[in-house]
Amino acid sequence: MSEPIDVVAAVIEHDGLFLACRRAPHKAAAGRWEFPGGKVEPGESAEQALVREIGEELGIRILPESHLTTDVTGPVRLICLRARLDGEIPQASTDHDELRWVAREDLAVLEWADADLPAVRMLASPAHWSASRRCHA
């Protein structure tokens, strides 16, 4: 069995909403939602890969802050990192046909890509929400 491919995803929260991106029709898992990101290249840390990928995909700068989840789904090891915007709000994506800012309580309503589901479940969990609010109060 081969080693899974490391992929990073940015869980960006801004004004109490999370950035969700819908995969474009020409991409694998088209029409499903995900946190933006991409493959970790050899020699890169997860944080370096995330900054690079978000710059390429969304044309913006972010600041990775903390680890949220790491889960293996099929051939992918998805490393979700919390991140914050460092400047502009993204307007478009090279990999997605829609960007949407979603309230925590509405995250579970979207049809997410399988690899993103563990992070979505964690974020949508009432227990995680109250703990997060206590930490950021």
Protein backbone atom coordinates (compact mmCIF):
# COMPACT_ATOMS: atom_id res chain seq x y z
CA MET A 1 0.00 0.00 0.00
CA SER A 2 1.46 3.37 -0.97
CA GLU A 3 1.88 6.32 1.35
CA PRO A 4 -0.98 8.88 1.11
CA ILE A 5 -0.39 12.21 -0.66
CA ASP A 6 -0.10 15.14 1.78
CA VAL A 7 -2.59 17.89 1.01
CA VAL A 8 -3.16 21.05 3.06
CA ALA A 9 -6.36 23.04 3.46
CA ALA A 10 -6.97 26.49 4.92
CA VAL A 11 -9.83 26.85 7.38
CA ILE A 12 -10.21 30.62 7.10
CA GLU A 13 -12.60 32.33 9.50
CA HIS A 14 -13.46 35.98 8.89
CA ASP A 15 -16.15 37.96 10.73
CA GLY A 16 -17.51 34.72 12.20
CA LEU A 17 -17.87 33.00 8.80
CA PHE A 18 -15.80 30.24 7.17
CA LEU A 19 -14.61 30.24 3.57
CA ALA A 20 -16.01 27.30 1.58
CA CYS A 21 -15.06 26.74 -2.06
CA ARG A 22 -16.99 24.67 -4.61
CA ARG A 23 -14.92 22.50 -6.96
CA ALA A 24 -15.21 23.66 -10.58
CA PRO A 25 -16.79 21.35 -13.20
CA HIS A 26 -13.41 20.41 -14.72
CA LYS A 27 -11.95 19.27 -11.36
CA ALA A 28 -12.19 15.96 -9.50
CA ALA A 29 -15.10 16.00 -7.01
CA ALA A 30 -16.75 18.74 -9.12
CA GLY A 31 -19.63 20.49 -7.38
CA ARG A 32 -18.54 19.47 -3.89
CA TRP A 33 -17.37 21.97 -1.30
CA GLU A 34 -13.95 22.08 0.32
CA PHE A 35 -11.57 24.25 2.24
CA PRO A 36 -9.06 25.71 -0.25
CA GLY A 37 -5.51 24.37 -0.47
CA GLY A 38 -3.46 21.82 -2.35
CA LYS A 39 -0.57 19.38 -2.42
CA VAL A 40 2.49 19.73 -0.23
CA GLU A 41 5.59 19.77 -2.46
CA PRO A 42 8.80 17.96 -1.42
CA GLY A 43 10.79 20.04 1.09
CA GLU A 44 7.79 22.22 2.10
CA SER A 45 6.20 22.36 5.52
CA ALA A 46 2.40 22.22 5.65
CA GLU A 47 2.35 25.94 6.48
CA GLN A 48 4.62 26.87 3.55
CA ALA A 49 2.53 24.77 1.16
CA LEU A 50 -0.67 26.39 2.40
CA VAL A 51 0.63 29.94 1.92
CA ARG A 52 1.83 29.05 -1.60
CA GLU A 53 -1.34 27.21 -2.62
CA ILE A 54 -3.70 29.91 -1.35
CA GLY A 55 -1.64 32.54 -3.18
CA GLU A 56 -1.85 30.54 -6.41
CA GLU A 57 -5.51 29.51 -6.05
CA LEU A 58 -7.13 32.58 -4.51
CA GLY A 59 -4.58 35.33 -5.18
CA ILE A 60 -4.46 36.38 -1.52
CA ARG A 61 -2.13 36.16 1.47
CA ILE A 62 -2.94 34.21 4.62
CA LEU A 63 -1.26 33.58 7.95
CA PRO A 64 -1.46 29.94 9.12
CA GLU A 65 -2.29 29.88 12.83
CA SER A 66 -2.87 26.38 14.20
CA HIS A 67 -3.53 22.77 13.32
CA LEU A 68 -7.20 21.71 13.22
CA THR A 69 -7.27 18.13 11.87
CA THR A 70 -5.25 15.54 9.95
CA ASP A 71 -7.21 12.69 8.39
CA VAL A 72 -6.53 10.10 5.70
CA THR A 73 -9.32 9.61 3.17
CA GLY A 74 -8.42 7.22 0.36
CA PRO A 75 -5.11 8.29 -1.19
CA VAL A 76 -5.08 11.71 0.55
CA ARG A 77 -3.81 12.80 3.97
CA LEU A 78 -5.60 16.14 4.48
CA ILE A 79 -3.98 18.52 6.96
CA CYS A 80 -6.43 21.29 7.86
CA LEU A 81 -4.86 24.40 9.34
CA ARG A 82 -6.67 27.39 10.77
CA ALA A 83 -5.57 30.53 8.97
CA ARG A 84 -6.46 34.19 8.85
CA LEU A 85 -6.52 36.64 6.02
CA ASP A 86 -3.47 38.88 5.65
CA GLY A 87 -5.03 41.60 3.53
CA GLU A 88 -7.69 41.20 0.87
CA ILE A 89 -10.75 38.95 0.87
CA PRO A 90 -10.66 36.44 -2.02
CA GLN A 91 -12.91 37.23 -4.98
CA ALA A 92 -12.22 34.27 -7.31
CA SER A 93 -10.37 30.95 -7.52
CA THR A 94 -8.49 29.04 -10.18
CA ASP A 95 -9.91 25.70 -8.91
CA HIS A 96 -13.42 26.66 -7.81
CA ASP A 97 -16.53 28.07 -9.47
CA GLU A 98 -17.97 29.56 -6.29
CA LEU A 99 -16.63 30.98 -3.03
CA ARG A 100 -19.02 31.29 -0.11
CA TRP A 101 -18.66 32.58 3.45
CA VAL A 102 -20.63 30.19 5.66
CA ALA A 103 -21.77 30.46 9.28
CA ARG A 104 -20.58 27.65 11.55
CA GLU A 105 -24.13 26.36 12.04
CA ASP A 106 -24.61 26.14 8.23
CA LEU A 107 -21.40 24.25 7.41
CA ALA A 108 -23.06 20.82 7.54
CA VAL A 109 -25.70 21.91 4.99
CA LEU A 110 -23.19 21.96 2.11
CA GLU A 111 -22.18 18.82 0.19
CA TRP A 112 -18.51 18.56 1.21
CA ALA A 113 -15.73 16.55 -0.40
CA ASP A 114 -15.10 13.39 1.65
CA ALA A 115 -11.63 14.46 2.79
CA ASP A 116 -13.00 17.70 4.33
CA LEU A 117 -15.80 16.05 6.32
CA PRO A 118 -13.82 15.37 9.54
CA ALA A 119 -12.86 19.07 9.81
CA VAL A 120 -16.42 20.17 8.99
CA ARG A 121 -17.83 17.85 11.66
CA MET A 122 -15.37 19.22 14.21
CA LEU A 123 -16.14 22.85 13.35
CA ALA A 124 -19.90 22.27 13.30
CA SER A 125 -19.90 20.43 16.64
CA PRO A 126 -21.58 22.47 19.39
CA ALA A 127 -18.91 21.31 21.87
CA HIS A 128 -16.11 22.62 19.62
CA TRP A 129 -18.02 25.85 19.01
CA SER A 130 -18.40 26.67 22.71
CA ALA A 131 -14.78 25.76 23.46
CA SER A 132 -13.61 27.91 20.54
CA ARG A 133 -15.71 30.87 21.67
CA ARG A 134 -14.28 30.60 25.21
CA CYS A 135 -10.73 30.59 23.78
CA HIS A 136 -11.31 33.62 21.53
CA ALA A 137 -13.38 35.68 23.97
